[in-house]
C-alpha atoms as a PDB file:
ATOM      1  CA  VAL A   1      73.312 100.505 115.519  1.00  0.00           C
ATOM      2  CA  GLN A   2      75.410 103.379 114.242  1.00  0.00           C
ATOM      3  CA  LEU A   3      77.874 102.786 111.440  1.00  0.00           C
ATOM      4  CA  GLN A   4      80.788 105.024 110.484  1.00  0.00           C
ATOM      5  CA  ALA A   5      82.538 104.231 107.216  1.00  0.00           C
ATOM      6  CA  SER A   6      85.914 105.544 106.155  1.00  0.00           C
ATOM      7  CA  GLY A   7      88.758 104.857 103.758  1.00  0.00           C
ATOM      8  CA  GLY A   8      87.413 105.993 100.414  1.00  0.00           C
ATOM      9  CA  GLY A   9      89.393 108.151  98.058  1.00  0.00           C
ATOM     10  CA  LEU A  10      90.875 108.492  94.615  1.00  0.00           C
ATOM     11  CA  GLU A  11      92.939 105.627  93.269  1.00  0.00           C
ATOM     12  CA  GLN A  12      94.307 104.646  89.893  1.00  0.00           C
ATOM     13  CA  ALA A  13      93.137 101.521  88.111  1.00  0.00           C
ATOM     14  CA  GLY A  14      95.045  98.520  89.404  1.00  0.00           C
ATOM     15  CA  GLY A  15      95.533 100.088  92.801  1.00  0.00           C
ATOM     16  CA  SER A  16      94.134  99.189  96.207  1.00  0.00           C
ATOM     17  CA  LEU A  17      92.026 100.771  98.899  1.00  0.00           C
ATOM     18  CA  ARG A  18      90.773  99.501 102.243  1.00  0.00           C
ATOM     19  CA  LEU A  19      87.438 100.606 103.603  1.00  0.00           C
ATOM     20  CA  SER A  20      86.614 100.403 107.288  1.00  0.00           C
ATOM     21  CA  CYS A  21      83.285 100.590 109.065  1.00  0.00           C
ATOM     22  CA  ALA A  22      83.100 101.010 112.820  1.00  0.00           C
ATOM     23  CA  ALA A  23      79.875  99.987 114.519  1.00  0.00           C
ATOM     24  CA  SER A  24      78.448 101.068 117.837  1.00  0.00           C
ATOM     25  CA  GLY A  25      75.240 100.628 119.740  1.00  0.00           C
ATOM     26  CA  GLY A  26      74.651  96.929 119.238  1.00  0.00           C
ATOM     27  CA  THR A  27      76.134  93.483 119.747  1.00  0.00           C
ATOM     28  CA  PHE A  28      78.386  93.562 116.716  1.00  0.00           C
ATOM     29  CA  SER A  29      79.064  89.842 116.523  1.00  0.00           C
ATOM     30  CA  ARG A  30      75.362  89.093 116.035  1.00  0.00           C
ATOM     31  CA  TYR A  31      75.065  91.143 112.871  1.00  0.00           C
ATOM     32  CA  THR A  32      75.713  90.163 109.312  1.00  0.00           C
ATOM     33  CA  MET A  33      77.890  92.972 108.024  1.00  0.00           C
ATOM     34  CA  GLY A  34      78.214  94.043 104.443  1.00  0.00           C
ATOM     35  CA  TRP A  35      79.110  96.636 101.885  1.00  0.00           C
ATOM     36  CA  SER A  36      76.980  97.960  99.073  1.00  0.00           C
ATOM     37  CA  ARG A  37      77.847 100.522  96.446  1.00  0.00           C
ATOM     38  CA  GLN A  38      76.047 102.950  94.234  1.00  0.00           C
ATOM     39  CA  ALA A  39      77.647 104.025  90.994  1.00  0.00           C
ATOM     40  CA  PRO A  40      76.712 107.370  89.423  1.00  0.00           C
ATOM     41  CA  GLY A  41      73.264 107.123  87.881  1.00  0.00           C
ATOM     42  CA  LYS A  42      72.729 103.542  89.025  1.00  0.00           C
ATOM     43  CA  GLY A  43      70.987 101.743  91.830  1.00  0.00           C
ATOM     44  CA  ARG A  44      72.605 100.403  94.958  1.00  0.00           C
ATOM     45  CA  GLU A  45      74.105  96.918  94.671  1.00  0.00           C
ATOM     46  CA  SER A  46      75.399  94.550  97.296  1.00  0.00           C
ATOM     47  CA  VAL A  47      79.143  94.019  96.963  1.00  0.00           C
ATOM     48  CA  ALA A  48      80.061  91.728  99.830  1.00  0.00           C
ATOM     49  CA  SER A  49      78.763  90.481 103.130  1.00  0.00           C
ATOM     50  CA  ILE A  50      80.076  88.449 106.040  1.00  0.00           C
ATOM     51  CA  GLY A  51      78.226  86.498 108.645  1.00  0.00           C
ATOM     52  CA  TYR A  52      78.869  82.825 109.131  1.00  0.00           C
ATOM     53  CA  ASN A  53      79.974  82.813 105.489  1.00  0.00           C
ATOM     54  CA  SER A  54      81.136  85.439 103.046  1.00  0.00           C
ATOM     55  CA  TYR A  55      79.380  86.535  99.887  1.00  0.00           C
ATOM     56  CA  TYR A  56      80.751  88.507  96.939  1.00  0.00           C
ATOM     57  CA  THR A  57      79.046  89.835  93.879  1.00  0.00           C
ATOM     58  CA  PRO A  58      80.669  88.165  90.862  1.00  0.00           C
ATOM     59  CA  SER A  59      82.276  91.352  89.537  1.00  0.00           C
ATOM     60  CA  VAL A  60      84.494  91.712  92.633  1.00  0.00           C
ATOM     61  CA  LYS A  61      85.200  88.066  93.428  1.00  0.00           C
ATOM     62  CA  GLY A  62      88.948  87.458  93.614  1.00  0.00           C
ATOM     63  CA  ARG A  63      89.694  91.181  93.945  1.00  0.00           C
ATOM     64  CA  PHE A  64      87.828  92.260  97.084  1.00  0.00           C
ATOM     65  CA  THR A  65      88.010  90.695 100.531  1.00  0.00           C
ATOM     66  CA  ILE A  66      85.591  91.382 103.353  1.00  0.00           C
ATOM     67  CA  SER A  67      86.672  90.742 106.917  1.00  0.00           C
ATOM     68  CA  ARG A  68      85.572  91.649 110.406  1.00  0.00           C
ATOM     69  CA  ASP A  69      87.155  92.164 113.794  1.00  0.00           C
ATOM     70  CA  ASN A  70      84.510  91.526 116.420  1.00  0.00           C
ATOM     71  CA  ALA A  71      86.816  92.783 119.176  1.00  0.00           C
ATOM     72  CA  LYS A  72      87.010  96.161 117.440  1.00  0.00           C
ATOM     73  CA  ASN A  73      83.393  96.192 116.178  1.00  0.00           C
ATOM     74  CA  THR A  74      84.750  96.872 112.719  1.00  0.00           C
ATOM     75  CA  VAL A  75      84.245  95.439 109.258  1.00  0.00           C
ATOM     76  CA  TYR A  76      86.720  95.956 106.439  1.00  0.00           C
ATOM     77  CA  LEU A  77      86.658  95.773 102.675  1.00  0.00           C
ATOM     78  CA  GLN A  78      90.047  95.296 101.071  1.00  0.00           C
ATOM     79  CA  MET A  79      89.785  96.262  97.424  1.00  0.00           C
ATOM     80  CA  ASN A  80      92.607  95.230  95.099  1.00  0.00           C
ATOM     81  CA  SER A  81      93.041  95.463  91.342  1.00  0.00           C
ATOM     82  CA  LEU A  82      90.595  98.325  91.260  1.00  0.00           C
ATOM     83  CA  LYS A  83      88.796  99.109  88.031  1.00  0.00           C
ATOM     84  CA  PRO A  84      87.083 102.315  86.902  1.00  0.00           C
ATOM     85  CA  GLU A  85      83.748 100.490  87.157  1.00  0.00           C
ATOM     86  CA  ASP A  86      84.346 100.116  90.904  1.00  0.00           C
ATOM     87  CA  THR A  87      83.746 103.852  91.205  1.00  0.00           C
ATOM     88  CA  GLY A  88      80.848 104.749  93.450  1.00  0.00           C
ATOM     89  CA  VAL A  89      79.689 105.545  96.926  1.00  0.00           C
ATOM     90  CA  TYR A  90      80.256 102.597  99.236  1.00  0.00           C
ATOM     91  CA  PHE A  91      77.848 102.042 102.103  1.00  0.00           C
ATOM     92  CA  CYS A  92      78.362  99.874 105.144  1.00  0.00           C
ATOM     93  CA  ARG A  93      75.335  97.934 106.409  1.00  0.00           C
ATOM     94  CA  ALA A  94      74.445  95.775 109.373  1.00  0.00           C
ATOM     95  CA  SER A  95      71.579  93.334 109.332  1.00  0.00           C
ATOM     96  CA  LEU A  96      69.933  91.109 111.926  1.00  0.00           C
ATOM     97  CA  GLY A  97      66.723  89.400 110.984  1.00  0.00           C
ATOM     98  CA  SER A  98      64.552  91.961 109.206  1.00  0.00           C
ATOM     99  CA  ALA A  99      66.409  94.954 110.657  1.00  0.00           C
ATOM    100  CA  VAL A 100      68.914  96.678 108.372  1.00  0.00           C
ATOM    101  CA  TYR A 101      71.081  99.619 109.342  1.00  0.00           C
ATOM    102  CA  TRP A 102      73.104 101.788 106.973  1.00  0.00           C
ATOM    103  CA  GLY A 103      76.080 104.000 107.505  1.00  0.00           C
ATOM    104  CA  GLN A 104      76.902 107.110 105.550  1.00  0.00           C
ATOM    105  CA  GLY A 105      78.660 106.449 102.295  1.00  0.00           C
ATOM    106  CA  THR A 106      82.307 106.848 101.468  1.00  0.00           C
ATOM    107  CA  LEU A 107      83.258 107.805  97.935  1.00  0.00           C
ATOM    108  CA  VAL A 108      85.614 105.617  95.931  1.00  0.00           C
ATOM    109  CA  THR A 109      86.853 106.986  92.619  1.00  0.00           C
ATOM    110  CA  VAL A 110      89.004 104.862  90.344  1.00  0.00           C
ATOM    111  CA  SER A 111      90.694 106.639  87.467  1.00  0.00           C
ATOM    112  CA  SER A 112      91.713 104.889  84.274  1.00  0.00           C
END
């Protein structure tokens, strides 16, 4: 599975961004899709995932929404009410059983 993420950029606090991740090379609907992020100087953390259900890390619940379009093999992350602490490199991932695939990151910078 190959994953191509896009949509990062510079945004002011309180603003919105939408990340997209296009997948190829696998049966997209079978995969649990998700987003993780890595802030400067910190480890990578899972932000949201979507399979049969959706999961959000508590710090983004109510502000971020993950969705998927199986016809377009694409997963999205709508990020609203952005905060400076949302700054980081966001990575798209696909998982099926023990197999995990990562895309390249897209940088999100939120200014205060």
